[in-house]
Protein backbone atom coordinates (compact mmCIF):
# COMPACT_ATOMS: atom_id res chain seq x y z
CA MET A 1 0.00 0.00 0.00
CA GLN A 2 1.38 3.35 -1.03
CA THR A 3 1.06 6.29 1.36
CA ARG A 4 0.41 9.84 0.32
CA PRO A 5 3.39 12.18 0.57
CA GLU A 6 3.37 14.96 3.10
CA SER A 7 2.43 18.43 1.77
CA ASP A 8 6.05 19.64 2.02
CA GLU A 9 7.16 16.71 -0.10
CA VAL A 10 4.52 17.52 -2.71
CA SER A 11 5.48 21.19 -2.93
CA THR A 12 9.17 20.29 -3.13
CA ALA A 13 8.50 17.77 -5.87
CA THR A 14 6.39 20.30 -7.75
CA ALA A 15 9.07 22.97 -7.38
CA ASN A 16 11.76 20.56 -8.57
CA ASN A 17 9.72 19.70 -11.68
CA SER A 18 8.76 23.30 -12.36
CA PRO A 19 9.67 24.66 -15.77
CA LEU A 20 12.64 26.98 -15.74
CA LEU A 21 12.36 30.55 -16.97
CA ALA A 22 15.09 32.50 -18.69
CA PRO A 23 16.01 35.92 -17.27
CA ASP A 24 14.15 37.74 -20.06
CA GLU A 25 10.96 35.83 -19.20
CA VAL A 26 11.35 36.74 -15.53
CA ALA A 27 11.88 40.38 -16.47
CA LYS A 28 8.61 40.34 -18.41
CA ALA A 29 6.75 38.63 -15.55
CA LEU A 30 8.08 41.11 -12.97
CA ARG A 31 7.83 44.06 -15.37
CA VAL A 32 11.42 45.14 -14.78
CA HIS A 33 14.46 45.61 -17.00
CA LEU A 34 16.55 42.58 -17.83
CA SER A 35 19.56 44.25 -16.20
CA TRP A 36 17.60 44.41 -12.92
CA VAL A 37 17.02 40.65 -13.02
CA TYR A 38 20.74 40.00 -13.47
CA ALA A 39 21.66 42.50 -10.74
CA HIS A 40 19.22 40.91 -8.26
CA GLN A 41 19.37 37.28 -9.37
CA GLN A 42 20.50 36.01 -5.95
CA GLU A 43 17.52 37.74 -4.29
CA ILE A 44 14.86 36.45 -6.68
CA PRO A 45 13.28 33.20 -5.47
CA GLY A 46 13.84 30.09 -7.53
CA PHE A 47 17.29 31.15 -8.75
CA VAL A 48 19.23 28.30 -10.40
CA ARG A 49 22.66 28.50 -12.03
CA LEU A 50 23.33 25.95 -14.78
CA GLY A 51 26.96 26.51 -15.63
CA ARG A 52 27.11 30.00 -17.06
CA TYR A 53 23.34 30.15 -17.54
CA VAL A 54 20.87 31.62 -15.07
CA ARG A 55 17.35 30.23 -14.78
CA PHE A 56 14.45 30.66 -12.37
CA ARG A 57 11.80 28.16 -11.28
CA ARG A 58 8.38 29.22 -12.56
CA VAL A 59 6.61 28.04 -9.39
CA ALA A 60 8.85 30.21 -7.19
CA ILE A 61 8.27 33.27 -9.37
CA ASP A 62 4.50 32.69 -9.36
CA GLU A 63 4.46 32.29 -5.56
CA PHE A 64 6.62 35.40 -5.17
CA LEU A 65 4.23 37.46 -7.31
CA HIS A 66 1.19 36.09 -5.50
CA ALA A 67 2.70 36.95 -2.10
CA LYS A 68 3.60 40.46 -3.21
CA THR A 69 0.18 41.19 -4.72
CA SER A 70 -1.84 39.68 -1.88
CA CYS A 71 -0.12 41.93 0.70
CA GLN A 72 -1.46 45.10 -0.88
């Protein structure tokens, strides 16, 4: 019998399988300049470095935007 994973395990699995966004896609989603994304890449949630490439997890960006817009 298989047990259901805990909610933390589900969110981690979902985040790990989340599509990766390129910096220009993140800039469009956040409505900022591409240079801002590169300057703040370590502060943006979901930051992943793949060799010389920078990517961001879509789920983390979506959650970040939701948190920022729900606070207002």
